[in-house]
Amino acid sequence: MKVLVLGAGAVGTVSALKFRQEAMVEQLIIADAVSARAVALADRLDDPRVCAITLDAGNLRDVARALRETGTTILLNAALPATKAARYLQIENKIRAALRYDMASAIPLVP
């Protein structure tokens, strides 16, 4: 599975550390609006399956493009609540249609 962790703050860091332990994860993408934060977390994880990208969670077109380009199968939205709330509720069904997605827990949904 390919996991994109959106947000490299405290929640994103803890989540990425857990995902790194999973053998089923073939790629772990750390995404943050602040490039240095994403790179720092990817470097900390020190795993060849991990990479960092710059991505603003509030820019839904860029998020959708990143999901397509990376072949993400699980998206964990660990961005700030202000970014998540209104905008992501508007597109949750579109994201669900594109991949199995659970905004709260990163558990794949059965279609």
PDB file of N, CA and C in Angstrom:
ATOM      1  N   MET A   1       0.837  -1.177   0.000  1.00  0.00           N
ATOM      2  CA  MET A   1       0.000   0.000   0.000  1.00  0.00           C
ATOM      3  C   MET A   1       0.880   1.237   0.000  1.00  0.00           C
ATOM      4  N   LYS A   2       0.353   2.304  -0.553  1.00  0.00           N
ATOM      5  CA  LYS A   2       1.046   3.583  -0.598  1.00  0.00           C
ATOM      6  C   LYS A   2       0.271   4.562   0.268  1.00  0.00           C
ATOM      7  N   VAL A   3       0.979   5.135   1.235  1.00  0.00           N
ATOM      8  CA  VAL A   3       0.348   6.003   2.229  1.00  0.00           C
ATOM      9  C   VAL A   3       0.853   7.424   2.056  1.00  0.00           C
ATOM     10  N   LEU A   4      -0.075   8.372   2.032  1.00  0.00           N
ATOM     11  CA  LEU A   4       0.280   9.779   2.035  1.00  0.00           C
ATOM     12  C   LEU A   4      -0.175  10.361   3.360  1.00  0.00           C
ATOM     13  N   VAL A   5       0.776  10.872   4.138  1.00  0.00           N
ATOM     14  CA  VAL A   5       0.469  11.536   5.407  1.00  0.00           C
ATOM     15  C   VAL A   5       0.482  13.027   5.123  1.00  0.00           C
ATOM     16  N   LEU A   6      -0.682  13.630   5.238  1.00  0.00           N
ATOM     17  CA  LEU A   6      -0.853  15.046   4.940  1.00  0.00           C
ATOM     18  C   LEU A   6      -0.701  15.837   6.233  1.00  0.00           C
ATOM     19  N   GLY A   7       0.469  16.429   6.435  1.00  0.00           N
ATOM     20  CA  GLY A   7       0.775  17.179   7.642  1.00  0.00           C
ATOM     21  C   GLY A   7       1.914  16.510   8.397  1.00  0.00           C
ATOM     22  N   ALA A   8       2.986  17.263   8.641  1.00  0.00           N
ATOM     23  CA  ALA A   8       4.167  16.715   9.304  1.00  0.00           C
ATOM     24  C   ALA A   8       4.348  17.284  10.707  1.00  0.00           C
ATOM     25  N   GLY A   9       3.233  17.645  11.347  1.00  0.00           N
ATOM     26  CA  GLY A   9       3.291  18.110  12.724  1.00  0.00           C
ATOM     27  C   GLY A   9       3.275  16.934  13.685  1.00  0.00           C
ATOM     28  N   ALA A  10       2.769  17.152  14.873  1.00  0.00           N
ATOM     29  CA  ALA A  10       2.779  16.113  15.902  1.00  0.00           C
ATOM     30  C   ALA A  10       1.987  14.871  15.493  1.00  0.00           C
ATOM     31  N   VAL A  11       0.766  15.052  15.027  1.00  0.00           N
ATOM     32  CA  VAL A  11      -0.072  13.904  14.639  1.00  0.00           C
ATOM     33  C   VAL A  11       0.527  13.193  13.432  1.00  0.00           C
ATOM     34  N   GLY A  12       0.968  13.950  12.445  1.00  0.00           N
ATOM     35  CA  GLY A  12       1.595  13.360  11.272  1.00  0.00           C
ATOM     36  C   GLY A  12       2.855  12.591  11.616  1.00  0.00           C
ATOM     37  N   THR A  13       3.642  13.114  12.539  1.00  0.00           N
ATOM     38  CA  THR A  13       4.882  12.449  12.950  1.00  0.00           C
ATOM     39  C   THR A  13       4.597  11.120  13.621  1.00  0.00           C
ATOM     40  N   VAL A  14       3.698  11.113  14.592  1.00  0.00           N
ATOM     41  CA  VAL A  14       3.364   9.871  15.292  1.00  0.00           C
ATOM     42  C   VAL A  14       2.793   8.846  14.309  1.00  0.00           C
ATOM     43  N   SER A  15       1.935   9.309  13.424  1.00  0.00           N
ATOM     44  CA  SER A  15       1.323   8.411  12.438  1.00  0.00           C
ATOM     45  C   SER A  15       2.372   7.843  11.487  1.00  0.00           C
ATOM     46  N   ALA A  16       3.273   8.687  11.011  1.00  0.00           N
ATOM     47  CA  ALA A  16       4.319   8.233  10.099  1.00  0.00           C
ATOM     48  C   ALA A  16       5.229   7.213  10.776  1.00  0.00           C
ATOM     49  N   LEU A  17       5.545   7.424  12.044  1.00  0.00           N
ATOM     50  CA  LEU A  17       6.365   6.461  12.783  1.00  0.00           C
ATOM     51  C   LEU A  17       5.678   5.102  12.841  1.00  0.00           C
ATOM     52  N   LYS A  18       4.370   5.095  13.016  1.00  0.00           N
ATOM     53  CA  LYS A  18       3.610   3.837  13.046  1.00  0.00           C
ATOM     54  C   LYS A  18       3.560   3.189  11.663  1.00  0.00           C
ATOM     55  N   PHE A  19       3.274   3.976  10.636  1.00  0.00           N
ATOM     56  CA  PHE A  19       3.216   3.434   9.282  1.00  0.00           C
ATOM     57  C   PHE A  19       4.556   2.832   8.870  1.00  0.00           C
ATOM     58  N   ARG A  20       5.655   3.462   9.285  1.00  0.00           N
ATOM     59  CA  ARG A  20       6.984   2.952   8.927  1.00  0.00           C
ATOM     60  C   ARG A  20       7.204   1.538   9.453  1.00  0.00           C
ATOM     61  N   GLN A  21       6.560   1.186  10.533  1.00  0.00           N
ATOM     62  CA  GLN A  21       6.712  -0.146  11.128  1.00  0.00           C
ATOM     63  C   GLN A  21       5.963  -1.225  10.354  1.00  0.00           C
ATOM     64  N   GLU A  22       5.067  -0.829   9.482  1.00  0.00           N
ATOM     65  CA  GLU A  22       4.229  -1.781   8.751  1.00  0.00           C
ATOM     66  C   GLU A  22       4.934  -2.302   7.496  1.00  0.00           C
ATOM     67  N   ALA A  23       5.103  -3.603   7.415  1.00  0.00           N
ATOM     68  CA  ALA A  23       5.757  -4.215   6.252  1.00  0.00           C
ATOM     69  C   ALA A  23       4.936  -4.033   4.976  1.00  0.00           C
ATOM     70  N   MET A  24       3.622  -3.902   5.109  1.00  0.00           N
ATOM     71  CA  MET A  24       2.751  -3.760   3.934  1.00  0.00           C
ATOM     72  C   MET A  24       2.891  -2.403   3.249  1.00  0.00           C
ATOM     73  N   VAL A  25       3.511  -1.444   3.914  1.00  0.00           N
ATOM     74  CA  VAL A  25       3.680  -0.113   3.328  1.00  0.00           C
ATOM     75  C   VAL A  25       4.837  -0.161   2.342  1.00  0.00           C
ATOM     76  N   GLU A  26       4.519   0.030   1.051  1.00  0.00           N
ATOM     77  CA  GLU A  26       5.577   0.036   0.045  1.00  0.00           C
ATOM     78  C   GLU A  26       6.123   1.436  -0.177  1.00  0.00           C
ATOM     79  N   GLN A  27       5.303   2.448   0.110  1.00  0.00           N
ATOM     80  CA  GLN A  27       5.757   3.830   0.009  1.00  0.00           C
ATOM     81  C   GLN A  27       5.023   4.664   1.045  1.00  0.00           C
ATOM     82  N   LEU A  28       5.770   5.543   1.724  1.00  0.00           N
ATOM     83  CA  LEU A  28       5.213   6.451   2.720  1.00  0.00           C
ATOM     84  C   LEU A  28       5.613   7.858   2.300  1.00  0.00           C
ATOM     85  N   ILE A  29       4.616   8.648   1.947  1.00  0.00           N
ATOM     86  CA  ILE A  29       4.850  10.003   1.446  1.00  0.00           C
ATOM     87  C   ILE A  29       4.476  10.984   2.548  1.00  0.00           C
ATOM     88  N   ILE A  30       5.436  11.792   2.951  1.00  0.00           N
ATOM     89  CA  ILE A  30       5.198  12.826   3.957  1.00  0.00           C
ATOM     90  C   ILE A  30       4.961  14.127   3.212  1.00  0.00           C
ATOM     91  N   ALA A  31       3.802  14.735   3.421  1.00  0.00           N
ATOM     92  CA  ALA A  31       3.445  15.968   2.717  1.00  0.00           C
ATOM     93  C   ALA A  31       3.148  17.070   3.720  1.00  0.00           C
ATOM     94  N   ASP A  32       3.680  18.244   3.445  1.00  0.00           N
ATOM     95  CA  ASP A  32       3.413  19.390   4.305  1.00  0.00           C
ATOM     96  C   ASP A  32       3.559  20.653   3.470  1.00  0.00           C
ATOM     97  N   ALA A  33       2.859  21.704   3.872  1.00  0.00           N
ATOM     98  CA  ALA A  33       2.959  22.981   3.175  1.00  0.00           C
ATOM     99  C   ALA A  33       4.345  23.595   3.369  1.00  0.00           C
ATOM    100  N   VAL A  34       4.999  23.246   4.463  1.00  0.00           N
ATOM    101  CA  VAL A  34       6.355  23.728   4.744  1.00  0.00           C
ATOM    102  C   VAL A  34       7.325  22.612   4.356  1.00  0.00           C
ATOM    103  N   SER A  35       8.001  22.813   3.253  1.00  0.00           N
ATOM    104  CA  SER A  35       8.883  21.790   2.702  1.00  0.00           C
ATOM    105  C   SER A  35       9.887  21.272   3.730  1.00  0.00           C
ATOM    106  N   ALA A  36      10.492  22.170   4.488  1.00  0.00           N
ATOM    107  CA  ALA A  36      11.513  21.771   5.468  1.00  0.00           C
ATOM    108  C   ALA A  36      10.950  20.824   6.515  1.00  0.00           C
ATOM    109  N   ARG A  37       9.690  21.011   6.879  1.00  0.00           N
ATOM    110  CA  ARG A  37       9.063  20.142   7.879  1.00  0.00           C
ATOM    111  C   ARG A  37       8.855  18.733   7.314  1.00  0.00           C
ATOM    112  N   ALA A  38       8.406  18.642   6.075  1.00  0.00           N
ATOM    113  CA  ALA A  38       8.214  17.341   5.439  1.00  0.00           C
ATOM    114  C   ALA A  38       9.554  16.624   5.272  1.00  0.00           C
ATOM    115  N   VAL A  39      10.562  17.336   4.813  1.00  0.00           N
ATOM    116  CA  VAL A  39      11.891  16.742   4.614  1.00  0.00           C
ATOM    117  C   VAL A  39      12.495  16.306   5.946  1.00  0.00           C
ATOM    118  N   ALA A  40      12.346  17.119   6.972  1.00  0.00           N
ATOM    119  CA  ALA A  40      12.903  16.765   8.289  1.00  0.00           C
ATOM    120  C   ALA A  40      12.289  15.475   8.818  1.00  0.00           C
ATOM    121  N   LEU A  41      10.977  15.312   8.652  1.00  0.00           N
ATOM    122  CA  LEU A  41      10.329  14.093   9.126  1.00  0.00           C
ATOM    123  C   LEU A  41      10.763  12.900   8.286  1.00  0.00           C
ATOM    124  N   ALA A  42      10.825  13.058   6.977  1.00  0.00           N
ATOM    125  CA  ALA A  42      11.274  11.960   6.105  1.00  0.00           C
ATOM    126  C   ALA A  42      12.704  11.552   6.472  1.00  0.00           C
ATOM    127  N   ASP A  43      13.571  12.527   6.712  1.00  0.00           N
ATOM    128  CA  ASP A  43      14.952  12.224   7.106  1.00  0.00           C
ATOM    129  C   ASP A  43      14.992  11.505   8.455  1.00  0.00           C
ATOM    130  N   ARG A  44      14.153  11.931   9.367  1.00  0.00           N
ATOM    131  CA  ARG A  44      14.096  11.296  10.691  1.00  0.00           C
ATOM    132  C   ARG A  44      13.686   9.827  10.583  1.00  0.00           C
ATOM    133  N   LEU A  45      12.771   9.521   9.680  1.00  0.00           N
ATOM    134  CA  LEU A  45      12.296   8.150   9.520  1.00  0.00           C
ATOM    135  C   LEU A  45      13.371   7.239   8.923  1.00  0.00           C
ATOM    136  N   ASP A  46      14.290   7.814   8.143  1.00  0.00           N
ATOM    137  CA  ASP A  46      15.452   7.098   7.624  1.00  0.00           C
ATOM    138  C   ASP A  46      15.083   5.718   7.064  1.00  0.00           C
ATOM    139  N   ASP A  47      14.219   5.749   6.056  1.00  0.00           N
ATOM    140  CA  ASP A  47      13.726   4.516   5.454  1.00  0.00           C
ATOM    141  C   ASP A  47      13.625   4.764   3.949  1.00  0.00           C
ATOM    142  N   PRO A  48      14.131   3.857   3.121  1.00  0.00           N
ATOM    143  CA  PRO A  48      14.093   4.092   1.676  1.00  0.00           C
ATOM    144  C   PRO A  48      12.684   4.154   1.088  1.00  0.00           C
ATOM    145  N   ARG A  49      11.688   3.692   1.833  1.00  0.00           N
ATOM    146  CA  ARG A  49      10.298   3.750   1.352  1.00  0.00           C
ATOM    147  C   ARG A  49       9.673   5.119   1.559  1.00  0.00           C
ATOM    148  N   VAL A  50      10.363   6.000   2.280  1.00  0.00           N
ATOM    149  CA  VAL A  50       9.808   7.292   2.684  1.00  0.00           C
ATOM    150  C   VAL A  50      10.347   8.411   1.803  1.00  0.00           C
ATOM    151  N   CYS A  51       9.429   9.290   1.381  1.00  0.00           N
ATOM    152  CA  CYS A  51       9.837  10.492   0.650  1.00  0.00           C
ATOM    153  C   CYS A  51       9.005  11.668   1.153  1.00  0.00           C
ATOM    154  N   ALA A  52       9.453  12.862   0.812  1.00  0.00           N
ATOM    155  CA  ALA A  52       8.768  14.078   1.245  1.00  0.00           C
ATOM    156  C   ALA A  52       8.341  14.884   0.031  1.00  0.00           C
ATOM    157  N   ILE A  53       7.170  15.507   0.139  1.00  0.00           N
ATOM    158  CA  ILE A  53       6.714  16.435  -0.891  1.00  0.00           C
ATOM    159  C   ILE A  53       6.141  17.678  -0.214  1.00  0.00           C
ATOM    160  N   THR A  54       6.163  18.769  -0.937  1.00  0.00           N
ATOM    161  CA  THR A  54       5.537  20.004  -0.463  1.00  0.00           C
ATOM    162  C   THR A  54       4.110  20.010  -0.978  1.00  0.00           C
ATOM    163  N   LEU A  55       3.157  20.134  -0.057  1.00  0.00           N
ATOM    164  CA  LEU A  55       1.752  20.077  -0.444  1.00  0.00           C
ATOM    165  C   LEU A  55       0.917  20.839   0.583  1.00  0.00           C
ATOM    166  N   ASP A  56       0.129  21.776   0.106  1.00  0.00           N
ATOM    167  CA  ASP A  56      -0.753  22.561   0.961  1.00  0.00           C
ATOM    168  C   ASP A  56      -2.097  21.849   1.053  1.00  0.00           C
ATOM    169  N   ALA A  57      -2.455  21.400   2.250  1.00  0.00           N
ATOM    170  CA  ALA A  57      -3.708  20.670   2.452  1.00  0.00           C
ATOM    171  C   ALA A  57      -4.930  21.492   2.071  1.00  0.00           C
ATOM    172  N   GLY A  58      -4.806  22.789   2.077  1.00  0.00           N
ATOM    173  CA  GLY A  58      -5.928  23.647   1.718  1.00  0.00           C
ATOM    174  C   GLY A  58      -6.145  23.783   0.218  1.00  0.00           C
ATOM    175  N   ASN A  59      -5.191  23.319  -0.565  1.00  0.00           N
ATOM    176  CA  ASN A  59      -5.312  23.395  -2.020  1.00  0.00           C
ATOM    177  C   ASN A  59      -5.786  22.040  -2.532  1.00  0.00           C
ATOM    178  N   LEU A  60      -7.082  21.911  -2.683  1.00  0.00           N
ATOM    179  CA  LEU A  60      -7.676  20.617  -2.994  1.00  0.00           C
ATOM    180  C   LEU A  60      -7.257  20.080  -4.363  1.00  0.00           C
ATOM    181  N   ARG A  61      -7.046  20.955  -5.319  1.00  0.00           N
ATOM    182  CA  ARG A  61      -6.583  20.484  -6.635  1.00  0.00           C
ATOM    183  C   ARG A  61      -5.202  19.853  -6.531  1.00  0.00           C
ATOM    184  N   ASP A  62      -4.321  20.482  -5.750  1.00  0.00           N
ATOM    185  CA  ASP A  62      -2.979  19.928  -5.574  1.00  0.00           C
ATOM    186  C   ASP A  62      -3.026  18.612  -4.806  1.00  0.00           C
ATOM    187  N   VAL A  63      -3.913  18.521  -3.817  1.00  0.00           N
ATOM    188  CA  VAL A  63      -4.059  17.266  -3.066  1.00  0.00           C
ATOM    189  C   VAL A  63      -4.539  16.158  -3.997  1.00  0.00           C
ATOM    190  N   ALA A  64      -5.550  16.447  -4.803  1.00  0.00           N
ATOM    191  CA  ALA A  64      -6.070  15.448  -5.739  1.00  0.00           C
ATOM    192  C   ALA A  64      -4.991  15.023  -6.735  1.00  0.00           C
ATOM    193  N   ARG A  65      -4.215  15.981  -7.232  1.00  0.00           N
ATOM    194  CA  ARG A  65      -3.139  15.657  -8.173  1.00  0.00           C
ATOM    195  C   ARG A  65      -2.094  14.773  -7.501  1.00  0.00           C
ATOM    196  N   ALA A  66      -1.730  15.093  -6.273  1.00  0.00           N
ATOM    197  CA  ALA A  66      -0.737  14.287  -5.554  1.00  0.00           C
ATOM    198  C   ALA A  66      -1.234  12.865  -5.338  1.00  0.00           C
ATOM    199  N   LEU A  67      -2.517  12.715  -5.027  1.00  0.00           N
ATOM    200  CA  LEU A  67      -3.087  11.374  -4.840  1.00  0.00           C
ATOM    201  C   LEU A  67      -2.974  10.555  -6.126  1.00  0.00           C
ATOM    202  N   ARG A  68      -3.312  11.189  -7.249  1.00  0.00           N
ATOM    203  CA  ARG A  68      -3.231  10.495  -8.538  1.00  0.00           C
ATOM    204  C   ARG A  68      -1.785  10.161  -8.905  1.00  0.00           C
ATOM    205  N   GLU A  69      -0.912  11.153  -8.794  1.00  0.00           N
ATOM    206  CA  GLU A  69       0.473  10.975  -9.239  1.00  0.00           C
ATOM    207  C   GLU A  69       1.244   9.967  -8.396  1.00  0.00           C
ATOM    208  N   THR A  70       0.920   9.875  -7.114  1.00  0.00           N
ATOM    209  CA  THR A  70       1.654   8.953  -6.241  1.00  0.00           C
ATOM    210  C   THR A  70       1.012   7.574  -6.170  1.00  0.00           C
ATOM    211  N   GLY A  71      -0.213   7.450  -6.665  1.00  0.00           N
ATOM    212  CA  GLY A  71      -0.910   6.170  -6.569  1.00  0.00           C
ATOM    213  C   GLY A  71      -1.288   5.835  -5.134  1.00  0.00           C
ATOM    214  N   THR A  72      -1.529   6.852  -4.348  1.00  0.00           N
ATOM    215  CA  THR A  72      -1.867   6.688  -2.934  1.00  0.00           C
ATOM    216  C   THR A  72      -3.090   5.788  -2.761  1.00  0.00           C
ATOM    217  N   THR A  73      -2.982   4.851  -1.826  1.00  0.00           N
ATOM    218  CA  THR A  73      -4.118   3.991  -1.495  1.00  0.00           C
ATOM    219  C   THR A  73      -4.700   4.333  -0.131  1.00  0.00           C
ATOM    220  N   ILE A  74      -3.902   4.989   0.726  1.00  0.00           N
ATOM    221  CA  ILE A  74      -4.400   5.452   2.026  1.00  0.00           C
ATOM    222  C   ILE A  74      -3.926   6.885   2.227  1.00  0.00           C
ATOM    223  N   LEU A  75      -4.861   7.756   2.552  1.00  0.00           N
ATOM    224  CA  LEU A  75      -4.554   9.150   2.870  1.00  0.00           C
ATOM    225  C   LEU A  75      -4.866   9.375   4.331  1.00  0.00           C
ATOM    226  N   LEU A  76      -3.869   9.828   5.081  1.00  0.00           N
ATOM    227  CA  LEU A  76      -4.096  10.228   6.463  1.00  0.00           C
ATOM    228  C   LEU A  76      -4.031  11.743   6.497  1.00  0.00           C
ATOM    229  N   ASN A  77      -5.133  12.384   6.815  1.00  0.00           N
ATOM    230  CA  ASN A  77      -5.169  13.838   6.884  1.00  0.00           C
ATOM    231  C   ASN A  77      -4.828  14.260   8.302  1.00  0.00           C
ATOM    232  N   ALA A  78      -3.567  14.635   8.508  1.00  0.00           N
ATOM    233  CA  ALA A  78      -3.100  15.091   9.813  1.00  0.00           C
ATOM    234  C   ALA A  78      -2.829  16.589   9.789  1.00  0.00           C
ATOM    235  N   ALA A  79      -3.455  17.293   8.850  1.00  0.00           N
ATOM    236  CA  ALA A  79      -3.293  18.743   8.740  1.00  0.00           C
ATOM    237  C   ALA A  79      -4.059  19.429   9.867  1.00  0.00           C
ATOM    238  N   LEU A  80      -3.810  20.702  10.026  1.00  0.00           N
ATOM    239  CA  LEU A  80      -4.484  21.470  11.071  1.00  0.00           C
ATOM    240  C   LEU A  80      -6.000  21.401  10.911  1.00  0.00           C
ATOM    241  N   PRO A  81      -6.734  21.385  12.017  1.00  0.00           N
ATOM    242  CA  PRO A  81      -8.202  21.304  11.938  1.00  0.00           C
ATOM    243  C   PRO A  81      -8.830  22.379  11.070  1.00  0.00           C
ATOM    244  N   ALA A  82      -8.294  23.577  11.073  1.00  0.00           N
ATOM    245  CA  ALA A  82      -8.865  24.641  10.242  1.00  0.00           C
ATOM    246  C   ALA A  82      -8.783  24.280   8.763  1.00  0.00           C
ATOM    247  N   THR A  83      -7.766  23.547   8.382  1.00  0.00           N
ATOM    248  CA  THR A  83      -7.603  23.125   6.991  1.00  0.00           C
ATOM    249  C   THR A  83      -8.556  21.993   6.674  1.00  0.00           C
ATOM    250  N   LYS A  84      -8.757  21.096   7.626  1.00  0.00           N
ATOM    251  CA  LYS A  84      -9.561  19.901   7.403  1.00  0.00           C
ATOM    252  C   LYS A  84     -11.049  20.189   7.285  1.00  0.00           C
ATOM    253  N   ALA A  85     -11.556  20.919   8.208  1.00  0.00           N
ATOM    254  CA  ALA A  85     -12.985  20.985   8.446  1.00  0.00           C
ATOM    255  C   ALA A  85     -13.844  21.258   7.222  1.00  0.00           C
ATOM    256  N   ALA A  86     -14.085  22.497   6.933  1.00  0.00           N
ATOM    257  CA  ALA A  86     -15.080  22.836   5.908  1.00  0.00           C
ATOM    258  C   ALA A  86     -14.687  22.359   4.517  1.00  0.00           C
ATOM    259  N   ARG A  87     -13.463  22.601   4.106  1.00  0.00           N
ATOM    260  CA  ARG A  87     -13.056  22.262   2.738  1.00  0.00           C
ATOM    261  C   ARG A  87     -13.073  20.762   2.509  1.00  0.00           C
ATOM    262  N   TYR A  88     -12.632  19.974   3.477  1.00  0.00           N
ATOM    263  CA  TYR A  88     -12.599  18.537   3.251  1.00  0.00           C
ATOM    264  C   TYR A  88     -13.973  17.901   3.330  1.00  0.00           C
ATOM    265  N   LEU A  89     -14.857  18.480   4.076  1.00  0.00           N
ATOM    266  CA  LEU A  89     -16.214  17.948   4.086  1.00  0.00           C
ATOM    267  C   LEU A  89     -16.857  18.120   2.716  1.00  0.00           C
ATOM    268  N   GLN A  90     -16.475  19.166   2.003  1.00  0.00           N
ATOM    269  CA  GLN A  90     -17.029  19.407   0.671  1.00  0.00           C
ATOM    270  C   GLN A  90     -16.588  18.352  -0.335  1.00  0.00           C
ATOM    271  N   ILE A  91     -15.394  17.809  -0.159  1.00  0.00           N
ATOM    272  CA  ILE A  91     -14.868  16.895  -1.175  1.00  0.00           C
ATOM    273  C   ILE A  91     -14.714  15.455  -0.690  1.00  0.00           C
ATOM    274  N   GLU A  92     -15.146  15.174   0.513  1.00  0.00           N
ATOM    275  CA  GLU A  92     -14.947  13.830   1.049  1.00  0.00           C
ATOM    276  C   GLU A  92     -15.493  12.747   0.122  1.00  0.00           C
ATOM    277  N   ASN A  93     -16.657  12.947  -0.439  1.00  0.00           N
ATOM    278  CA  ASN A  93     -17.222  11.933  -1.336  1.00  0.00           C
ATOM    279  C   ASN A  93     -16.394  11.764  -2.604  1.00  0.00           C
ATOM    280  N   LYS A  94     -15.830  12.848  -3.110  1.00  0.00           N
ATOM    281  CA  LYS A  94     -14.974  12.748  -4.289  1.00  0.00           C
ATOM    282  C   LYS A  94     -13.716  11.948  -3.962  1.00  0.00           C
ATOM    283  N   ILE A  95     -13.144  12.197  -2.800  1.00  0.00           N
ATOM    284  CA  ILE A  95     -11.952  11.454  -2.403  1.00  0.00           C
ATOM    285  C   ILE A  95     -12.308   9.989  -2.191  1.00  0.00           C
ATOM    286  N   ARG A  96     -13.425   9.733  -1.546  1.00  0.00           N
ATOM    287  CA  ARG A  96     -13.858   8.340  -1.343  1.00  0.00           C
ATOM    288  C   ARG A  96     -14.007   7.612  -2.674  1.00  0.00           C
ATOM    289  N   ALA A  97     -14.480   8.329  -3.683  1.00  0.00           N
ATOM    290  CA  ALA A  97     -14.648   7.701  -4.994  1.00  0.00           C
ATOM    291  C   ALA A  97     -13.300   7.399  -5.634  1.00  0.00           C
ATOM    292  N   ALA A  98     -12.288   8.194  -5.317  1.00  0.00           N
ATOM    293  CA  ALA A  98     -10.970   8.016  -5.929  1.00  0.00           C
ATOM    294  C   ALA A  98     -10.138   6.941  -5.236  1.00  0.00           C
ATOM    295  N   LEU A  99     -10.310   6.774  -3.955  1.00  0.00           N
ATOM    296  CA  LEU A  99      -9.557   5.783  -3.202  1.00  0.00           C
ATOM    297  C   LEU A  99     -10.271   5.499  -1.899  1.00  0.00           C
ATOM    298  N   ARG A 100      -9.851   4.463  -1.251  1.00  0.00           N
ATOM    299  CA  ARG A 100     -10.438   4.140   0.052  1.00  0.00           C
ATOM    300  C   ARG A 100      -9.856   5.114   1.071  1.00  0.00           C
ATOM    301  N   TYR A 101     -10.716   5.847   1.775  1.00  0.00           N
ATOM    302  CA  TYR A 101     -10.255   6.964   2.588  1.00  0.00           C
ATOM    303  C   TYR A 101     -11.139   7.132   3.806  1.00  0.00           C
ATOM    304  N   ASP A 102     -10.511   7.321   4.938  1.00  0.00           N
ATOM    305  CA  ASP A 102     -11.219   7.653   6.169  1.00  0.00           C
ATOM    306  C   ASP A 102     -10.464   8.820   6.795  1.00  0.00           C
ATOM    307  N   MET A 103     -11.079  10.008   6.783  1.00  0.00           N
ATOM    308  CA  MET A 103     -10.392  11.213   7.220  1.00  0.00           C
ATOM    309  C   MET A 103      -9.943  11.132   8.669  1.00  0.00           C
ATOM    310  N   ALA A 104     -10.668  10.440   9.519  1.00  0.00           N
ATOM    311  CA  ALA A 104     -10.350  10.437  10.934  1.00  0.00           C
ATOM    312  C   ALA A 104      -9.303   9.412  11.319  1.00  0.00           C
ATOM    313  N   SER A 105      -9.305   8.250  10.705  1.00  0.00           N
ATOM    314  CA  SER A 105      -8.469   7.183  11.231  1.00  0.00           C
ATOM    315  C   SER A 105      -7.525   6.511  10.252  1.00  0.00           C
ATOM    316  N   ALA A 106      -7.560   6.897   8.996  1.00  0.00           N
ATOM    317  CA  ALA A 106      -6.694   6.307   7.963  1.00  0.00           C
ATOM    318  C   ALA A 106      -6.933   4.820   7.779  1.00  0.00           C
ATOM    319  N   ILE A 107      -8.116   4.353   8.123  1.00  0.00           N
ATOM    320  CA  ILE A 107      -8.462   2.954   7.905  1.00  0.00           C
ATOM    321  C   ILE A 107      -9.074   2.830   6.515  1.00  0.00           C
ATOM    322  N   PRO A 108      -8.546   1.935   5.689  1.00  0.00           N
ATOM    323  CA  PRO A 108      -9.142   1.792   4.357  1.00  0.00           C
ATOM    324  C   PRO A 108     -10.618   1.420   4.450  1.00  0.00           C
ATOM    325  N   LEU A 109     -11.406   2.027   3.608  1.00  0.00           N
ATOM    326  CA  LEU A 109     -12.832   1.735   3.586  1.00  0.00           C
ATOM    327  C   LEU A 109     -13.115   0.684   2.524  1.00  0.00           C
ATOM    328  N   VAL A 110     -14.035  -0.185   2.810  1.00  0.00           N
ATOM    329  CA  VAL A 110     -14.428  -1.180   1.821  1.00  0.00           C
ATOM    330  C   VAL A 110     -15.426  -0.514   0.887  1.00  0.00           C
ATOM    331  N   PRO A 111     -15.139  -0.534  -0.418  1.00  0.00           N
ATOM    332  CA  PRO A 111     -16.049   0.145  -1.357  1.00  0.00           C
ATOM    333  C   PRO A 111     -17.419  -0.501  -1.385  1.00  0.00           C
TER     334      PRO A 111
END
